[in-house]
Amino acid sequence: MGRDLGLDGVVDHFTLSGDEAEWLRNKTGATRLGFAVQLKFLTWRGRFPKMRMELPPDAVEHVAKQVGVAASQLGFYDFTSRVAKRHRSELRDLTGWHECTKTDLVKLVSHLVDVIWHDERREEQVRAELGRQVRVDLIEPPTAAQVNTIIRSALHQADERAVAEVAARLAREEDCPRRLDALVFTDPTGDDAEPGDGATVDGDASEEDEDEIESVLSDIKAHPGNVSLNSVLDEVSKLKQVRAVGVPAKAFTGTTTSPPRPARAPPPVTSSRSNSANSTPTTRCSPHAKTTPAWTRAKARCSDMARTTTTASRPTATKTVGSGRTGEQTASDLAFYSRAMKAPALLDAAERLAERARSESWSHSEFLVACLQREVAARESHGGEARVRSARFPAIKTIEELDVTHRRGMTREQLAHLGTLDFITGKENAIFLGPPGTGKTHLAIGLAVRACQAGHKVAFATAAEWVDRLAAAHHTGRLQTELIKLSRYPLIVVDEVGCAPRGADGSRGMRGPPPVIAVTG
């Protein structure tokens, strides 16, 4: 069970209102208590409880008194059963809470962009705002993968929106885009030369022209060198060039996009120690400072907007990707890339789903998601099979094959609770006691197989085998290494504990941090 909330917390969050009490009219016993507990947990945490361990004991007692059912009856309510799922569906209809849909994901991203685009965009703040908004919209928490997708998309769109706003402000200023281009871009081809400039024939003059067309921004970012009168005058000239760009003072107002800060350059490299204080260094370091991505994109987009409004812009050639390709070429490329990615299921899914996607008018994104789902499912299935093989079970058995009808001490509810594998996530041990032939080993293997299918690595052996393994490691001085290796397994199964040798040196190695399923002989 969870921690007690205290009197104030229980009264605030787990007191049934008049309307909520009316929803319990046709329910009795454990069903009545389980329905009420799920309802109040939903209004408290914004989601349904996954297991009984999440419920505060004092809250269960408080709800049990209100519905007239003993708190111990909650032990007969299986939160993974079809009855509990039907209760959750009924509660969604009554309270307005609903599972997160694709439409909700789009709305949440849009809301986050509106909130954070003009503020400091940090993942922690976005995550907190997302948690607040899902409660406001009565949306059950998205999965961890969906949360990461929402946050990444919101941060990206907010950044793009801030860049677009800055670019629009710069474009509204007269000649500001042209001055930015002159500061950053150069044209070594000489296409922008004025007609009256004339042509130079002398080779030395050509070299001087090439030096003159170097980027002004690169010169501004260059290291100033040793302190001297000439270097000070050079820096003053650089400042005048920056000021001449004329970036409006309010270009970045209300956004966190800011002009680049000069990076700290390494000390200058001089050719000798005899350089005088009045001379500039003979060797200057290459520029290391770089503009921030947001500033660079704002400058580029501002330039693009300015070029689209002028008739002097030069046409650019465009290339259509995938045009003129035959079906055989596309199939060949798909086969090659699927092999390169080691994703054979992706190739099969693309071939099988292509006709369906065309007939049902799927979008490219929907088709891609469907193919990737098949690939992920195939990898999970193959991974589960590999984990089952590496566990070295004496035989493959499943929980579904276990008949508990005529077995004493085990109910279907208890079996269903064990099947949730909550004891693994809670790092708890499971011990099965009983005479031989009652299905203890079958149950242990079934749970271990389900753990493999759920993505957990499992180690299986009898108690005698574990003792021999640890004793051998102890005698060779590898006991600590062996224990560290075993601690990496989320689940260890120890079969036939009653048959383990007494007083063996390796027996103390059985106490490890991973959860253990112990089966007596």
Foldseek 3Di string as FASTA:
>chain_A
DEAAPDDVVLVVQQDDDPVRLVVLPPPDFLLSLLLSQQLSVCLVQVAGDPDPHVDHVVNSCVSCVVNVYDSVSPLVDFCPDPSVVVSVVVSCVVPVADEDDPVNLVVLLVVLLVVPLLHDQDLVVSLVVSSVVCVVNNYRDDDPVSSVVSSVSSVVVSLVVLLVQLLVLQLVDPCLLVLLCLQAPFDVVCPPPDPPPDDDDDPVVNVVVNVVRPHNNQVQLWDLAADAPVSVVSNVVSVVSVVVSPRDPCSSPSHPDDWFDRDDDDHADAPDPPDDRHDGGPGTDGGDGDIDPSVVSSSVVSNVVNLVPDPPRDDDDDDDPPPPDDPVVVLVVLVVVCVVVVQPQLSVLCVVCVVVCVVVVPDPVVSVVSSVVRSVVVVLVVQLVVLLVVQPDPDAAALVVDDCPPAPPDDPSNLVVLLVVVCLVVQAAAEDDDDPPRCLSRSLNNSVSSVSSVPFHEHEDEQQVQLVVLLVCVVVVNNVVVLVVVQRGSEYEYEQPQPHDPPRPRPVSVDHRHYYYYYHD
